[in-house]
């Protein structure tokens, strides 16, 4: 039984390497809010979704407590302003 030969086209270009550049974090203008996870880091102006409260909020400010815990202040549509923890930088 004869096998079919694989033929390469002469004018094909090699695939370009995929850039491993980090994409900027999603902002509210770029699409749906990110799910809140305590281990993630966030920036002011981002929109997040909190599963427990089933609520969407905008991050008003980001900072660090006196004992080095990263925190953020978020204004949610249903539950109001809340202080939440977030991941460590570095």
PDB file of N, CA and C in Angstrom:
ATOM      1  N   UNK A   1       0.843  -1.171   0.000  1.00  0.00           N
ATOM      2  CA  UNK A   1       0.000   0.000   0.000  1.00  0.00           C
ATOM      3  C   UNK A   1       0.893   1.241   0.000  1.00  0.00           C
ATOM      4  N   UNK A   2       0.636   2.191  -0.832  1.00  0.00           N
ATOM      5  CA  UNK A   2       1.458   3.390  -0.967  1.00  0.00           C
ATOM      6  C   UNK A   2       1.043   4.436   0.062  1.00  0.00           C
ATOM      7  N   UNK A   3       2.027   5.160   0.579  1.00  0.00           N
ATOM      8  CA  UNK A   3       1.753   6.230   1.533  1.00  0.00           C
ATOM      9  C   UNK A   3       1.775   7.563   0.805  1.00  0.00           C
ATOM     10  N   UNK A   4       0.955   8.485   1.300  1.00  0.00           N
ATOM     11  CA  UNK A   4       0.938   9.829   0.730  1.00  0.00           C
ATOM     12  C   UNK A   4       2.150  10.591   1.236  1.00  0.00           C
ATOM     13  N   UNK A   5       2.774  11.344   0.360  1.00  0.00           N
ATOM     14  CA  UNK A   5       3.926  12.145   0.749  1.00  0.00           C
ATOM     15  C   UNK A   5       3.462  13.473   1.321  1.00  0.00           C
ATOM     16  N   UNK A   6       4.230  13.963   2.306  1.00  0.00           N
ATOM     17  CA  UNK A   6       3.961  15.286   2.852  1.00  0.00           C
ATOM     18  C   UNK A   6       4.771  16.284   2.047  1.00  0.00           C
ATOM     19  N   UNK A   7       4.084  17.294   1.538  1.00  0.00           N
ATOM     20  CA  UNK A   7       4.744  18.283   0.700  1.00  0.00           C
ATOM     21  C   UNK A   7       4.720  19.629   1.409  1.00  0.00           C
ATOM     22  N   UNK A   8       5.909  20.259   1.556  1.00  0.00           N
ATOM     23  CA  UNK A   8       5.978  21.585   2.155  1.00  0.00           C
ATOM     24  C   UNK A   8       5.903  22.620   1.050  1.00  0.00           C
ATOM     25  N   UNK A   9       5.186  23.689   1.322  1.00  0.00           N
ATOM     26  CA  UNK A   9       5.118  24.774   0.358  1.00  0.00           C
ATOM     27  C   UNK A   9       6.411  25.576   0.435  1.00  0.00           C
ATOM     28  N   UNK A  10       6.933  25.978  -0.688  1.00  0.00           N
ATOM     29  CA  UNK A  10       8.204  26.681  -0.760  1.00  0.00           C
ATOM     30  C   UNK A  10       8.144  28.085  -0.176  1.00  0.00           C
ATOM     31  N   UNK A  11       6.987  28.730  -0.201  1.00  0.00           N
ATOM     32  CA  UNK A  11       6.896  30.117   0.231  1.00  0.00           C
ATOM     33  C   UNK A  11       6.393  30.292   1.667  1.00  0.00           C
ATOM     34  N   UNK A  12       6.379  29.222   2.452  1.00  0.00           N
ATOM     35  CA  UNK A  12       5.900  29.367   3.830  1.00  0.00           C
ATOM     36  C   UNK A  12       6.966  30.007   4.701  1.00  0.00           C
ATOM     37  N   UNK A  13       6.548  30.881   5.602  1.00  0.00           N
ATOM     38  CA  UNK A  13       7.454  31.564   6.517  1.00  0.00           C
ATOM     39  C   UNK A  13       7.464  30.805   7.839  1.00  0.00           C
ATOM     40  N   UNK A  14       8.584  30.817   8.540  1.00  0.00           N
ATOM     41  CA  UNK A  14       8.597  30.180   9.861  1.00  0.00           C
ATOM     42  C   UNK A  14       7.694  30.947  10.815  1.00  0.00           C
ATOM     43  N   UNK A  15       7.113  30.238  11.740  1.00  0.00           N
ATOM     44  CA  UNK A  15       6.211  30.877  12.701  1.00  0.00           C
ATOM     45  C   UNK A  15       6.985  31.871  13.548  1.00  0.00           C
ATOM     46  N   UNK A  16       6.375  33.028  13.785  1.00  0.00           N
ATOM     47  CA  UNK A  16       7.018  34.039  14.610  1.00  0.00           C
ATOM     48  C   UNK A  16       6.891  33.639  16.072  1.00  0.00           C
ATOM     49  N   UNK A  17       7.914  33.908  16.882  1.00  0.00           N
ATOM     50  CA  UNK A  17       7.839  33.534  18.293  1.00  0.00           C
ATOM     51  C   UNK A  17       6.724  34.298  19.001  1.00  0.00           C
ATOM     52  N   UNK A  18       6.094  33.622  19.922  1.00  0.00           N
ATOM     53  CA  UNK A  18       5.008  34.235  20.683  1.00  0.00           C
ATOM     54  C   UNK A  18       5.610  35.086  21.785  1.00  0.00           C
ATOM     55  N   UNK A  19       5.156  36.308  21.870  1.00  0.00           N
ATOM     56  CA  UNK A  19       5.662  37.217  22.893  1.00  0.00           C
ATOM     57  C   UNK A  19       5.118  36.808  24.249  1.00  0.00           C
ATOM     58  N   UNK A  20       5.983  36.798  25.241  1.00  0.00           N
ATOM     59  CA  UNK A  20       5.549  36.448  26.592  1.00  0.00           C
ATOM     60  C   UNK A  20       5.336  37.698  27.427  1.00  0.00           C
ATOM     61  N   UNK A  21       5.086  38.803  26.760  1.00  0.00           N
ATOM     62  CA  UNK A  21       4.844  40.064  27.438  1.00  0.00           C
ATOM     63  C   UNK A  21       3.530  39.973  28.207  1.00  0.00           C
ATOM     64  N   UNK A  22       3.533  40.453  29.456  1.00  0.00           N
ATOM     65  CA  UNK A  22       2.319  40.416  30.257  1.00  0.00           C
ATOM     66  C   UNK A  22       1.319  41.435  29.724  1.00  0.00           C
ATOM     67  N   UNK A  23       0.083  41.001  29.636  1.00  0.00           N
ATOM     68  CA  UNK A  23      -0.976  41.907  29.218  1.00  0.00           C
ATOM     69  C   UNK A  23      -1.334  42.799  30.398  1.00  0.00           C
ATOM     70  N   UNK A  24      -1.720  44.042  30.145  1.00  0.00           N
ATOM     71  CA  UNK A  24      -2.140  44.880  31.260  1.00  0.00           C
ATOM     72  C   UNK A  24      -3.413  44.318  31.885  1.00  0.00           C
ATOM     73  N   UNK A  25      -3.593  44.583  33.159  1.00  0.00           N
ATOM     74  CA  UNK A  25      -4.778  44.074  33.844  1.00  0.00           C
ATOM     75  C   UNK A  25      -6.014  44.720  33.255  1.00  0.00           C
ATOM     76  N   UNK A  26      -7.105  43.963  33.255  1.00  0.00           N
ATOM     77  CA  UNK A  26      -8.346  44.468  32.675  1.00  0.00           C
ATOM     78  C   UNK A  26      -8.876  45.649  33.466  1.00  0.00           C
ATOM     79  N   UNK A  27      -9.322  46.638  32.775  1.00  0.00           N
ATOM     80  CA  UNK A  27      -9.990  47.777  33.384  1.00  0.00           C
ATOM     81  C   UNK A  27     -11.462  47.678  33.008  1.00  0.00           C
ATOM     82  N   UNK A  28     -12.294  48.456  33.665  1.00  0.00           N
ATOM     83  CA  UNK A  28     -13.727  48.381  33.402  1.00  0.00           C
ATOM     84  C   UNK A  28     -14.066  48.689  31.948  1.00  0.00           C
ATOM     85  N   UNK A  29     -13.309  49.572  31.314  1.00  0.00           N
ATOM     86  CA  UNK A  29     -13.594  49.937  29.937  1.00  0.00           C
ATOM     87  C   UNK A  29     -13.229  48.818  28.965  1.00  0.00           C
ATOM     88  N   UNK A  30     -12.385  47.867  29.390  1.00  0.00           N
ATOM     89  CA  UNK A  30     -11.933  46.823  28.493  1.00  0.00           C
ATOM     90  C   UNK A  30     -12.809  45.583  28.521  1.00  0.00           C
ATOM     91  N   UNK A  31     -13.784  45.502  29.400  1.00  0.00           N
ATOM     92  CA  UNK A  31     -14.632  44.321  29.401  1.00  0.00           C
ATOM     93  C   UNK A  31     -15.182  44.000  30.765  1.00  0.00           C
ATOM     94  N   UNK A  32     -15.465  42.721  30.966  1.00  0.00           N
ATOM     95  CA  UNK A  32     -16.093  42.245  32.190  1.00  0.00           C
ATOM     96  C   UNK A  32     -15.159  42.395  33.393  1.00  0.00           C
ATOM     97  N   UNK A  33     -15.730  42.551  34.583  1.00  0.00           N
ATOM     98  CA  UNK A  33     -14.905  42.652  35.785  1.00  0.00           C
ATOM     99  C   UNK A  33     -14.174  41.343  36.084  1.00  0.00           C
ATOM    100  N   UNK A  34     -13.010  41.440  36.735  1.00  0.00           N
ATOM    101  CA  UNK A  34     -12.258  40.260  37.153  1.00  0.00           C
ATOM    102  C   UNK A  34     -12.872  39.681  38.414  1.00  0.00           C
ATOM    103  N   UNK A  35     -12.830  38.374  38.559  1.00  0.00           N
ATOM    104  CA  UNK A  35     -13.278  37.737  39.791  1.00  0.00           C
ATOM    105  C   UNK A  35     -12.288  38.070  40.899  1.00  0.00           C
ATOM    106  N   UNK A  36     -12.806  38.420  42.078  1.00  0.00           N
ATOM    107  CA  UNK A  36     -11.943  38.742  43.210  1.00  0.00           C
ATOM    108  C   UNK A  36     -11.338  37.465  43.772  1.00  0.00           C
ATOM    109  N   UNK A  37     -10.031  37.491  43.977  1.00  0.00           N
ATOM    110  CA  UNK A  37      -9.306  36.414  44.650  1.00  0.00           C
ATOM    111  C   UNK A  37      -8.292  37.080  45.558  1.00  0.00           C
ATOM    112  N   UNK A  38      -8.252  36.689  46.818  1.00  0.00           N
ATOM    113  CA  UNK A  38      -7.401  37.334  47.806  1.00  0.00           C
ATOM    114  C   UNK A  38      -5.923  37.307  47.409  1.00  0.00           C
ATOM    115  N   UNK A  39      -5.487  36.285  46.688  1.00  0.00           N
ATOM    116  CA  UNK A  39      -4.084  36.163  46.307  1.00  0.00           C
ATOM    117  C   UNK A  39      -3.679  36.998  45.102  1.00  0.00           C
ATOM    118  N   UNK A  40      -4.624  37.598  44.404  1.00  0.00           N
ATOM    119  CA  UNK A  40      -4.333  38.417  43.223  1.00  0.00           C
ATOM    120  C   UNK A  40      -4.027  39.856  43.630  1.00  0.00           C
ATOM    121  N   UNK A  41      -3.374  40.594  42.731  1.00  0.00           N
ATOM    122  CA  UNK A  41      -3.151  42.023  42.959  1.00  0.00           C
ATOM    123  C   UNK A  41      -4.018  42.820  41.993  1.00  0.00           C
ATOM    124  N   UNK A  42      -4.415  43.984  42.430  1.00  0.00           N
ATOM    125  CA  UNK A  42      -5.327  44.823  41.661  1.00  0.00           C
ATOM    126  C   UNK A  42      -4.828  46.258  41.660  1.00  0.00           C
ATOM    127  N   UNK A  43      -5.410  47.080  40.800  1.00  0.00           N
ATOM    128  CA  UNK A  43      -5.039  48.485  40.687  1.00  0.00           C
ATOM    129  C   UNK A  43      -6.281  49.354  40.828  1.00  0.00           C
ATOM    130  N   UNK A  44      -6.068  50.609  41.211  1.00  0.00           N
ATOM    131  CA  UNK A  44      -7.179  51.551  41.327  1.00  0.00           C
ATOM    132  C   UNK A  44      -7.896  51.673  39.988  1.00  0.00           C
ATOM    133  N   UNK A  45      -9.207  51.766  40.034  1.00  0.00           N
ATOM    134  CA  UNK A  45     -10.006  51.927  38.824  1.00  0.00           C
ATOM    135  C   UNK A  45     -10.486  50.614  38.229  1.00  0.00           C
ATOM    136  N   UNK A  46      -9.905  49.484  38.645  1.00  0.00           N
ATOM    137  CA  UNK A  46     -10.340  48.189  38.124  1.00  0.00           C
ATOM    138  C   UNK A  46     -11.714  47.835  38.679  1.00  0.00           C
ATOM    139  N   UNK A  47     -12.445  47.038  37.914  1.00  0.00           N
ATOM    140  CA  UNK A  47     -13.732  46.512  38.362  1.00  0.00           C
ATOM    141  C   UNK A  47     -13.523  45.057  38.752  1.00  0.00           C
ATOM    142  N   UNK A  48     -14.110  44.664  39.894  1.00  0.00           N
ATOM    143  CA  UNK A  48     -14.011  43.272  40.340  1.00  0.00           C
ATOM    144  C   UNK A  48     -15.401  42.732  40.648  1.00  0.00           C
ATOM    145  N   UNK A  49     -15.495  41.407  40.629  1.00  0.00           N
ATOM    146  CA  UNK A  49     -16.741  40.727  40.976  1.00  0.00           C
ATOM    147  C   UNK A  49     -16.482  39.867  42.200  1.00  0.00           C
ATOM    148  N   UNK A  50     -17.283  40.039  43.255  1.00  0.00           N
ATOM    149  CA  UNK A  50     -17.147  39.254  44.484  1.00  0.00           C
ATOM    150  C   UNK A  50     -18.230  38.178  44.482  1.00  0.00           C
ATOM    151  N   UNK A  51     -17.803  36.909  44.407  1.00  0.00           N
ATOM    152  CA  UNK A  51     -18.746  35.789  44.275  1.00  0.00           C
ATOM    153  C   UNK A  51     -19.658  35.639  45.486  1.00  0.00           C
ATOM    154  N   UNK A  52     -19.110  35.785  46.686  1.00  0.00           N
ATOM    155  CA  UNK A  52     -19.901  35.583  47.906  1.00  0.00           C
ATOM    156  C   UNK A  52     -21.042  36.590  47.988  1.00  0.00           C
ATOM    157  N   UNK A  53     -20.733  37.845  47.704  1.00  0.00           N
ATOM    158  CA  UNK A  53     -21.750  38.890  47.764  1.00  0.00           C
ATOM    159  C   UNK A  53     -22.539  39.021  46.469  1.00  0.00           C
ATOM    160  N   UNK A  54     -22.125  38.327  45.415  1.00  0.00           N
ATOM    161  CA  UNK A  54     -22.744  38.439  44.094  1.00  0.00           C
ATOM    162  C   UNK A  54     -22.883  39.911  43.715  1.00  0.00           C
ATOM    163  N   UNK A  55     -21.737  40.598  43.750  1.00  0.00           N
ATOM    164  CA  UNK A  55     -21.741  42.042  43.556  1.00  0.00           C
ATOM    165  C   UNK A  55     -20.500  42.488  42.784  1.00  0.00           C
ATOM    166  N   UNK A  56     -20.648  43.575  42.055  1.00  0.00           N
ATOM    167  CA  UNK A  56     -19.567  44.164  41.272  1.00  0.00           C
ATOM    168  C   UNK A  56     -19.170  45.474  41.937  1.00  0.00           C
ATOM    169  N   UNK A  57     -17.853  45.727  41.984  1.00  0.00           N
ATOM    170  CA  UNK A  57     -17.389  46.968  42.590  1.00  0.00           C
ATOM    171  C   UNK A  57     -16.178  47.533  41.889  1.00  0.00           C
ATOM    172  N   UNK A  58     -15.958  48.829  42.110  1.00  0.00           N
ATOM    173  CA  UNK A  58     -14.792  49.519  41.553  1.00  0.00           C
ATOM    174  C   UNK A  58     -13.792  49.777  42.668  1.00  0.00           C
ATOM    175  N   UNK A  59     -12.513  49.512  42.385  1.00  0.00           N
ATOM    176  CA  UNK A  59     -11.460  49.721  43.372  1.00  0.00           C
ATOM    177  C   UNK A  59     -11.183  51.214  43.468  1.00  0.00           C
ATOM    178  N   UNK A  60     -11.373  51.757  44.674  1.00  0.00           N
ATOM    179  CA  UNK A  60     -11.192  53.187  44.901  1.00  0.00           C
ATOM    180  C   UNK A  60      -9.751  53.522  45.274  1.00  0.00           C
ATOM    181  N   UNK A  61      -9.148  52.695  46.122  1.00  0.00           N
ATOM    182  CA  UNK A  61      -7.756  52.930  46.488  1.00  0.00           C
ATOM    183  C   UNK A  61      -7.076  51.627  46.878  1.00  0.00           C
ATOM    184  N   UNK A  62      -5.755  51.621  46.737  1.00  0.00           N
ATOM    185  CA  UNK A  62      -4.925  50.455  47.023  1.00  0.00           C
ATOM    186  C   UNK A  62      -3.837  50.911  47.985  1.00  0.00           C
ATOM    187  N   UNK A  63      -3.530  50.074  48.994  1.00  0.00           N
ATOM    188  CA  UNK A  63      -2.497  50.464  49.946  1.00  0.00           C
ATOM    189  C   UNK A  63      -1.975  49.276  50.728  1.00  0.00           C
ATOM    190  N   UNK A  64      -1.261  49.581  51.805  1.00  0.00           N
ATOM    191  CA  UNK A  64      -0.680  48.564  52.669  1.00  0.00           C
ATOM    192  C   UNK A  64      -0.961  48.942  54.112  1.00  0.00           C
ATOM    193  N   UNK A  65      -1.325  47.950  54.939  1.00  0.00           N
ATOM    194  CA  UNK A  65      -1.554  48.206  56.360  1.00  0.00           C
ATOM    195  C   UNK A  65      -0.226  48.399  57.068  1.00  0.00           C
ATOM    196  N   UNK A  66      -0.274  48.805  58.344  1.00  0.00           N
ATOM    197  CA  UNK A  66       0.946  49.019  59.124  1.00  0.00           C
ATOM    198  C   UNK A  66       1.765  47.745  59.265  1.00  0.00           C
ATOM    199  N   UNK A  67       1.092  46.581  59.266  1.00  0.00           N
ATOM    200  CA  UNK A  67       1.813  45.318  59.397  1.00  0.00           C
ATOM    201  C   UNK A  67       2.101  44.659  58.049  1.00  0.00           C
ATOM    202  N   UNK A  68       2.060  45.428  56.958  1.00  0.00           N
ATOM    203  CA  UNK A  68       2.522  44.953  55.655  1.00  0.00           C
ATOM    204  C   UNK A  68       1.516  44.174  54.827  1.00  0.00           C
ATOM    205  N   UNK A  69       0.252  44.182  55.211  1.00  0.00           N
ATOM    206  CA  UNK A  69      -0.774  43.465  54.440  1.00  0.00           C
ATOM    207  C   UNK A  69      -1.319  44.393  53.360  1.00  0.00           C
ATOM    208  N   UNK A  70      -1.319  43.914  52.102  1.00  0.00           N
ATOM    209  CA  UNK A  70      -1.848  44.713  50.988  1.00  0.00           C
ATOM    210  C   UNK A  70      -3.366  44.738  51.092  1.00  0.00           C
ATOM    211  N   UNK A  71      -3.945  45.905  50.866  1.00  0.00           N
ATOM    212  CA  UNK A  71      -5.393  46.063  50.986  1.00  0.00           C
ATOM    213  C   UNK A  71      -5.910  46.976  49.886  1.00  0.00           C
ATOM    214  N   UNK A  72      -7.223  46.946  49.732  1.00  0.00           N
ATOM    215  CA  UNK A  72      -7.857  47.847  48.776  1.00  0.00           C
ATOM    216  C   UNK A  72      -9.237  48.218  49.287  1.00  0.00           C
ATOM    217  N   UNK A  73      -9.671  49.399  48.922  1.00  0.00           N
ATOM    218  CA  UNK A  73     -11.010  49.871  49.276  1.00  0.00           C
ATOM    219  C   UNK A  73     -11.850  49.798  48.009  1.00  0.00           C
ATOM    220  N   UNK A  74     -12.978  49.095  48.083  1.00  0.00           N
ATOM    221  CA  UNK A  74     -13.813  48.848  46.907  1.00  0.00           C
ATOM    222  C   UNK A  74     -15.229  49.335  47.163  1.00  0.00           C
ATOM    223  N   UNK A  75     -15.790  50.034  46.180  1.00  0.00           N
ATOM    224  CA  UNK A  75     -17.188  50.461  46.271  1.00  0.00           C
ATOM    225  C   UNK A  75     -18.035  49.494  45.452  1.00  0.00           C
ATOM    226  N   UNK A  76     -18.822  48.669  46.163  1.00  0.00           N
ATOM    227  CA  UNK A  76     -19.708  47.706  45.519  1.00  0.00           C
ATOM    228  C   UNK A  76     -21.086  48.315  45.304  1.00  0.00           C
ATOM    229  N   UNK A  77     -21.787  47.832  44.274  1.00  0.00           N
ATOM    230  CA  UNK A  77     -23.110  48.358  43.942  1.00  0.00           C
ATOM    231  C   UNK A  77     -24.144  48.029  45.007  1.00  0.00           C
ATOM    232  N   UNK A  78     -24.111  46.813  45.567  1.00  0.00           N
ATOM    233  CA  UNK A  78     -25.126  46.377  46.530  1.00  0.00           C
ATOM    234  C   UNK A  78     -24.708  46.570  47.986  1.00  0.00           C
ATOM    235  N   UNK A  79     -23.483  46.207  48.330  1.00  0.00           N
ATOM    236  CA  UNK A  79     -23.062  46.184  49.738  1.00  0.00           C
ATOM    237  C   UNK A  79     -22.277  47.415  50.167  1.00  0.00           C
ATOM    238  N   UNK A  80     -22.035  48.349  49.267  1.00  0.00           N
ATOM    239  CA  UNK A  80     -21.351  49.582  49.623  1.00  0.00           C
ATOM    240  C   UNK A  80     -19.834  49.465  49.612  1.00  0.00           C
ATOM    241  N   UNK A  81     -19.174  50.299  50.428  1.00  0.00           N
ATOM    242  CA  UNK A  81     -17.709  50.352  50.461  1.00  0.00           C
ATOM    243  C   UNK A  81     -17.182  49.294  51.425  1.00  0.00           C
ATOM    244  N   UNK A  82     -16.231  48.499  50.944  1.00  0.00           N
ATOM    245  CA  UNK A  82     -15.625  47.432  51.749  1.00  0.00           C
ATOM    246  C   UNK A  82     -14.111  47.488  51.593  1.00  0.00           C
ATOM    247  N   UNK A  83     -13.398  47.097  52.652  1.00  0.00           N
ATOM    248  CA  UNK A  83     -11.943  46.949  52.617  1.00  0.00           C
ATOM    249  C   UNK A  83     -11.635  45.476  52.435  1.00  0.00           C
ATOM    250  N   UNK A  84     -10.826  45.150  51.423  1.00  0.00           N
ATOM    251  CA  UNK A  84     -10.486  43.764  51.126  1.00  0.00           C
ATOM    252  C   UNK A  84      -8.976  43.599  51.074  1.00  0.00           C
ATOM    253  N   UNK A  85      -8.522  42.384  51.367  1.00  0.00           N
ATOM    254  CA  UNK A  85      -7.104  42.043  51.242  1.00  0.00           C
ATOM    255  C   UNK A  85      -6.813  41.656  49.803  1.00  0.00           C
ATOM    256  N   UNK A  86      -5.517  41.773  49.454  1.00  0.00           N
ATOM    257  CA  UNK A  86      -5.089  41.301  48.153  1.00  0.00           C
ATOM    258  C   UNK A  86      -3.671  40.768  48.262  1.00  0.00           C
ATOM    259  N   UNK A  87      -3.190  40.131  47.192  1.00  0.00           N
ATOM    260  CA  UNK A  87      -1.892  39.458  47.171  1.00  0.00           C
ATOM    261  C   UNK A  87      -0.716  40.374  47.428  1.00  0.00           C
ATOM    262  N   UNK A  88       0.386  39.747  47.753  1.00  0.00           N
ATOM    263  CA  UNK A  88       1.630  40.468  48.018  1.00  0.00           C
ATOM    264  C   UNK A  88       2.356  40.751  46.703  1.00  0.00           C
ATOM    265  N   UNK A  89       3.038  41.842  46.627  1.00  0.00           N
ATOM    266  CA  UNK A  89       3.833  42.191  45.452  1.00  0.00           C
ATOM    267  C   UNK A  89       5.248  41.664  45.674  1.00  0.00           C
ATOM    268  N   UNK A  90       5.839  41.129  44.602  1.00  0.00           N
ATOM    269  CA  UNK A  90       7.227  40.717  44.698  1.00  0.00           C
ATOM    270  C   UNK A  90       7.462  39.254  44.713  1.00  0.00           C
TER     271      UNK A  90
END
